[in-house]
Amino acid sequence: RIGEQTAFFLLFEHQSSVDPLMPVRVYIYISRIWEGWLRENPDAGYVPAVLPVVLYHGERPWTAPRDLHALFDLPDPLKAGLGPHLPALRLLVDDLTRSSEDEIEASTRDALVTCCLLALKTAAYGSKHVIPERLIEHLNRAARAEEVMDGVVQTLHYLYTVADISPGTLEPRVAESLPEHKRRIIMSTAERLRAEGEAKGRAEGRAAERADTLLHLLEVRFGPLPASVKARVAGADMDTLGRWLTRLLSAPDLDAVFE
């Protein structure tokens, strides 16, 4: 009834790949929400409604089932007969791969939300070294609002993380015609991200050199290495590689290095 308060949950799931069992995952999440609700409200004679929404921005359109019933391993006649008595759930999937830039812009009047949606679409769908001019325009528009500057900075950081562009490429375009204090915020972000990228590159280079050294010494001592060992060494961080190098000096066999 109008004017009354009610409890309502929005279950928001962010997906960059198609999960064929997504309705099952979401049903489990909803069950956990209800379990928590009933623990906090033991005298409640009801559970809150939960609306599951999947925001998807993969390279290809969403093709997995959206309905829980589609995943039950039952013959169609039996499924039809039992249907009213089986758990039911249908996902609301917002598939950005099927949405044009015009449709994304029309879906919200919030500049930062538009930026986020366009950034997600750009990262997974289309050329990863070309940023749409519309996204730059929306970032510039959002940056004019004082309260969302952090969101603009985070969107830039996301684009540098997932797109094949160098840090510092976008900031001059986003900062164009902004007030001076906001230009400084945007440009300082470029400097920080560039420095972080250089530091990360140096660290990754040192880790790769240490991994190569460890693999060479392991082969000298124990002979040809299995692919699983090579993969484990390649994925290890600097500290772990250092520990393994130390153990190598006294390890009686290959397994002892990784214990």
Protein backbone atom coordinates (compact mmCIF):
# COMPACT_ATOMS: atom_id res chain seq x y z
CA ARG A 1 0.00 0.00 0.00
CA ILE A 2 1.17 3.52 -0.82
CA GLY A 3 2.96 5.22 2.08
CA GLU A 4 4.04 2.02 3.82
CA GLN A 5 7.68 0.96 4.22
CA THR A 6 8.89 -2.37 2.92
CA ALA A 7 12.20 -4.26 2.78
CA PHE A 8 13.50 -4.83 -0.72
CA PHE A 9 16.87 -6.14 -1.92
CA LEU A 10 18.55 -5.47 -5.26
CA LEU A 11 21.02 -8.28 -5.99
CA PHE A 12 23.48 -6.83 -8.49
CA GLU A 13 25.89 -9.19 -10.25
CA HIS A 14 28.61 -7.91 -12.58
CA GLN A 15 29.70 -10.36 -15.30
CA SER A 16 32.35 -10.07 -18.01
CA SER A 17 31.89 -13.69 -19.14
CA VAL A 18 28.85 -15.89 -19.79
CA ASP A 19 28.10 -18.26 -16.92
CA PRO A 20 25.76 -21.11 -17.97
CA LEU A 21 24.82 -21.72 -14.32
CA MET A 22 24.12 -18.08 -13.46
CA PRO A 23 20.50 -18.71 -12.33
CA VAL A 24 21.74 -21.36 -9.89
CA ARG A 25 24.42 -19.03 -8.49
CA VAL A 26 21.91 -16.23 -8.02
CA TYR A 27 19.39 -18.56 -6.38
CA ILE A 28 22.08 -19.55 -3.84
CA TYR A 29 22.86 -15.87 -3.20
CA ILE A 30 19.18 -15.13 -2.62
CA SER A 31 18.90 -18.03 -0.17
CA ARG A 32 21.83 -16.60 1.79
CA ILE A 33 20.20 -13.18 1.86
CA TRP A 34 17.05 -14.73 3.31
CA GLU A 35 19.04 -16.75 5.85
CA GLY A 36 20.75 -13.58 7.06
CA TRP A 37 17.46 -11.72 7.15
CA LEU A 38 15.79 -14.40 9.26
CA ARG A 39 18.72 -14.51 11.67
CA GLU A 40 18.39 -10.76 12.23
CA ASN A 41 14.57 -10.89 12.25
CA PRO A 42 13.68 -14.23 13.91
CA ASP A 43 10.08 -13.19 14.52
CA ALA A 44 9.41 -12.12 10.94
CA GLY A 45 6.66 -14.02 9.19
CA TYR A 46 7.89 -13.11 5.73
CA VAL A 47 11.08 -12.61 3.69
CA PRO A 48 11.97 -9.53 1.64
CA ALA A 49 11.70 -9.50 -2.12
CA VAL A 50 15.01 -9.84 -3.98
CA LEU A 51 15.40 -8.59 -7.55
CA PRO A 52 18.41 -10.20 -9.30
CA VAL A 53 20.08 -8.03 -11.96
CA VAL A 54 23.07 -9.12 -14.03
CA LEU A 55 25.10 -6.39 -15.75
CA TYR A 56 26.98 -8.13 -18.54
CA HIS A 57 29.68 -6.67 -20.79
CA GLY A 58 31.46 -9.61 -22.41
CA GLU A 59 32.90 -9.86 -25.89
CA ARG A 60 29.82 -11.73 -27.18
CA PRO A 61 26.11 -11.41 -26.37
CA TRP A 62 24.69 -13.29 -23.39
CA THR A 63 23.59 -16.75 -24.52
CA ALA A 64 23.19 -18.66 -21.23
CA PRO A 65 19.80 -19.54 -19.71
CA ARG A 66 18.12 -16.80 -17.72
CA ASP A 67 15.50 -19.08 -16.19
CA LEU A 68 16.26 -21.55 -13.40
CA HIS A 69 13.76 -24.06 -14.84
CA ALA A 70 15.91 -24.36 -17.99
CA LEU A 71 18.68 -25.93 -15.89
CA PHE A 72 16.65 -28.72 -14.29
CA ASP A 73 17.65 -32.11 -15.74
CA LEU A 74 14.13 -33.37 -16.36
CA PRO A 75 12.23 -34.54 -19.45
CA ASP A 76 10.05 -31.75 -20.82
CA PRO A 77 6.70 -33.45 -20.00
CA LEU A 78 7.78 -34.06 -16.40
CA LYS A 79 9.20 -30.56 -16.10
CA ALA A 80 5.91 -29.12 -17.35
CA GLY A 81 3.92 -31.16 -14.83
CA LEU A 82 6.17 -30.33 -11.89
CA GLY A 83 6.78 -26.73 -12.98
CA PRO A 84 4.47 -25.03 -10.44
CA HIS A 85 6.18 -26.92 -7.61
CA LEU A 86 9.81 -26.33 -8.60
CA PRO A 87 11.90 -23.31 -7.48
CA ALA A 88 11.46 -20.44 -9.93
CA LEU A 89 13.81 -17.63 -10.84
CA ARG A 90 14.29 -15.51 -13.94
CA LEU A 91 17.28 -13.19 -14.26
CA LEU A 92 17.08 -9.62 -15.46
CA VAL A 93 20.17 -9.41 -17.71
CA ASP A 94 21.36 -5.99 -18.90
CA ASP A 95 23.51 -7.02 -21.86
CA LEU A 96 25.71 -4.08 -22.85
CA THR A 97 26.94 -5.92 -25.94
CA ARG A 98 23.45 -5.51 -27.41
CA SER A 99 23.17 -1.83 -26.44
CA SER A 100 24.36 0.94 -28.72
CA GLU A 101 26.00 4.08 -27.37
CA ASP A 102 22.75 5.94 -28.10
CA GLU A 103 20.76 3.43 -26.06
CA ILE A 104 23.20 3.62 -23.15
CA GLU A 105 23.01 7.42 -23.14
CA ALA A 106 19.22 7.31 -23.24
CA SER A 107 19.03 4.84 -20.34
CA THR A 108 20.27 7.34 -17.71
CA ARG A 109 20.63 11.07 -17.24
CA ASP A 110 23.53 10.64 -14.81
CA ALA A 111 26.83 11.51 -16.53
CA LEU A 112 28.96 9.32 -14.28
CA VAL A 113 26.68 6.29 -14.70
CA THR A 114 26.85 6.82 -18.45
CA CYS A 115 30.66 6.95 -18.18
CA CYS A 116 30.78 3.69 -16.27
CA LEU A 117 28.50 1.86 -18.72
CA LEU A 118 30.39 3.16 -21.76
CA ALA A 119 33.70 2.24 -20.12
CA LEU A 120 32.51 -1.31 -19.46
CA LYS A 121 31.30 -1.66 -23.04
CA THR A 122 34.53 -0.17 -24.43
CA ALA A 123 36.73 -2.49 -22.37
CA ALA A 124 35.18 -5.71 -23.64
CA TYR A 125 33.54 -4.86 -26.95
CA GLY A 126 35.44 -3.10 -29.66
CA SER A 127 38.96 -1.78 -30.09
CA LYS A 128 40.77 -1.61 -26.78
CA HIS A 129 43.15 1.13 -27.89
CA VAL A 130 40.45 3.49 -29.18
CA ILE A 131 38.33 5.29 -26.57
CA PRO A 132 35.01 6.60 -27.96
CA GLU A 133 34.82 10.36 -28.14
CA ARG A 134 31.41 10.19 -26.43
CA LEU A 135 33.03 8.59 -23.37
CA ILE A 136 35.55 11.44 -23.19
CA GLU A 137 32.71 13.97 -23.44
CA HIS A 138 30.78 12.28 -20.61
CA LEU A 139 33.90 12.08 -18.43
CA ASN A 140 34.43 15.79 -18.98
CA ARG A 141 30.78 16.49 -18.14
CA ALA A 142 30.92 14.34 -15.01
CA ALA A 143 34.15 16.00 -13.87
CA ARG A 144 32.33 19.31 -13.71
CA ALA A 145 30.29 17.96 -10.77
CA GLU A 146 32.40 18.29 -7.63
CA GLU A 147 30.80 15.33 -5.86
CA VAL A 148 31.74 12.75 -8.53
CA MET A 149 35.41 13.59 -9.15
CA ASP A 150 36.44 10.39 -7.39
CA GLY A 151 34.22 8.43 -9.76
CA VAL A 152 35.86 10.07 -12.78
CA VAL A 153 39.31 9.20 -11.45
CA GLN A 154 38.25 5.59 -10.80
CA THR A 155 36.81 5.31 -14.33
CA LEU A 156 40.10 6.54 -15.80
CA HIS A 157 41.98 4.02 -13.67
CA TYR A 158 39.70 1.23 -14.90
CA LEU A 159 40.24 2.18 -18.54
CA TYR A 160 44.01 2.13 -18.12
CA THR A 161 43.78 -1.25 -16.42
CA VAL A 162 41.75 -2.99 -19.12
CA ALA A 163 42.44 -1.01 -22.31
CA ASP A 164 45.63 -1.01 -24.35
CA ILE A 165 46.46 2.66 -23.81
CA SER A 166 49.27 4.39 -21.94
CA PRO A 167 48.55 6.21 -18.65
CA GLY A 168 48.29 9.94 -19.23
CA THR A 169 46.69 9.60 -22.67
CA LEU A 170 43.15 10.51 -21.66
CA GLU A 171 43.59 13.15 -18.97
CA PRO A 172 44.38 16.14 -21.25
CA ARG A 173 41.20 15.44 -23.23
CA VAL A 174 39.06 14.92 -20.11
CA ALA A 175 40.50 18.01 -18.37
CA GLU A 176 39.89 20.29 -21.35
CA SER A 177 37.95 23.44 -20.36
CA LEU A 178 37.67 22.35 -16.71
CA PRO A 179 38.33 24.83 -13.87
CA GLU A 180 41.99 24.95 -12.85
CA HIS A 181 41.61 23.07 -9.55
CA LYS A 182 39.87 20.20 -11.31
CA ARG A 183 42.47 20.16 -14.07
CA ARG A 184 45.11 19.71 -11.39
CA ILE A 185 43.23 16.75 -9.91
CA ILE A 186 42.85 15.07 -13.29
CA MET A 187 46.46 15.69 -14.36
CA SER A 188 47.88 14.59 -11.01
CA THR A 189 45.96 11.36 -11.50
CA ALA A 190 47.76 10.88 -14.82
CA GLU A 191 51.14 11.40 -13.16
CA ARG A 192 50.31 8.96 -10.35
CA LEU A 193 49.01 6.27 -12.69
CA ARG A 194 52.03 6.68 -14.96
CA ALA A 195 54.37 6.29 -11.99
CA GLU A 196 52.43 3.27 -10.72
CA GLY A 197 52.56 1.69 -14.17
CA GLU A 198 56.32 2.20 -14.42
CA ALA A 199 56.85 0.76 -10.94
CA LYS A 200 54.65 -2.23 -11.73
CA GLY A 201 56.55 -2.82 -14.95
CA ARG A 202 59.87 -2.76 -13.12
CA ALA A 203 58.57 -5.14 -10.44
CA GLU A 204 57.20 -7.54 -13.06
CA GLY A 205 60.53 -7.43 -14.87
CA ARG A 206 62.45 -8.29 -11.71
CA ALA A 207 60.02 -11.12 -10.90
CA ALA A 208 60.38 -12.54 -14.43
CA GLU A 209 64.19 -12.48 -14.13
CA ARG A 210 64.06 -14.22 -10.74
CA ALA A 211 61.63 -16.83 -12.10
CA ASP A 212 63.96 -17.54 -15.05
CA THR A 213 66.90 -17.94 -12.66
CA LEU A 214 64.96 -20.34 -10.45
CA LEU A 215 63.79 -22.45 -13.39
CA HIS A 216 67.35 -22.67 -14.73
CA LEU A 217 68.76 -23.78 -11.36
CA LEU A 218 65.95 -26.28 -10.84
CA GLU A 219 66.69 -27.89 -14.20
CA VAL A 220 70.41 -28.00 -13.44
CA ARG A 221 69.76 -29.84 -10.17
CA PHE A 222 66.73 -32.00 -10.94
CA GLY A 223 66.59 -32.29 -14.72
CA PRO A 224 63.62 -31.45 -17.03
CA LEU A 225 60.73 -29.84 -15.18
CA PRO A 226 57.02 -30.74 -15.52
CA ALA A 227 54.72 -28.09 -16.98
CA SER A 228 52.93 -27.73 -13.64
CA VAL A 229 56.17 -26.62 -11.94
CA LYS A 230 56.95 -24.13 -14.70
CA ALA A 231 53.44 -22.67 -14.42
CA ARG A 232 53.70 -22.42 -10.64
CA VAL A 233 57.02 -20.59 -10.84
CA ALA A 234 55.73 -18.25 -13.55
CA GLY A 235 52.77 -17.23 -11.36
CA ALA A 236 54.71 -16.68 -8.13
CA ASP A 237 55.51 -13.29 -6.60
CA MET A 238 58.97 -11.99 -5.67
CA ASP A 239 58.84 -13.10 -2.02
CA THR A 240 57.75 -16.63 -2.88
CA LEU A 241 60.41 -16.95 -5.57
CA GLY A 242 62.99 -15.81 -3.03
CA ARG A 243 61.92 -18.50 -0.54
CA TRP A 244 62.10 -21.19 -3.21
CA LEU A 245 65.58 -20.04 -4.26
CA THR A 246 66.73 -20.33 -0.64
CA ARG A 247 65.25 -23.81 -0.25
CA LEU A 248 66.87 -24.91 -3.48
CA LEU A 249 70.28 -24.73 -1.82
CA SER A 250 69.53 -27.64 0.52
CA ALA A 251 66.44 -29.37 -0.93
CA PRO A 252 67.01 -33.12 -1.46
CA ASP A 253 64.44 -33.26 -4.28
CA LEU A 254 62.12 -31.09 -6.36
CA ASP A 255 59.10 -31.45 -4.07
CA ALA A 256 61.11 -30.18 -1.09
CA VAL A 257 61.66 -26.84 -2.82
CA PHE A 258 57.92 -26.13 -2.88
CA GLU A 259 56.89 -27.54 0.52
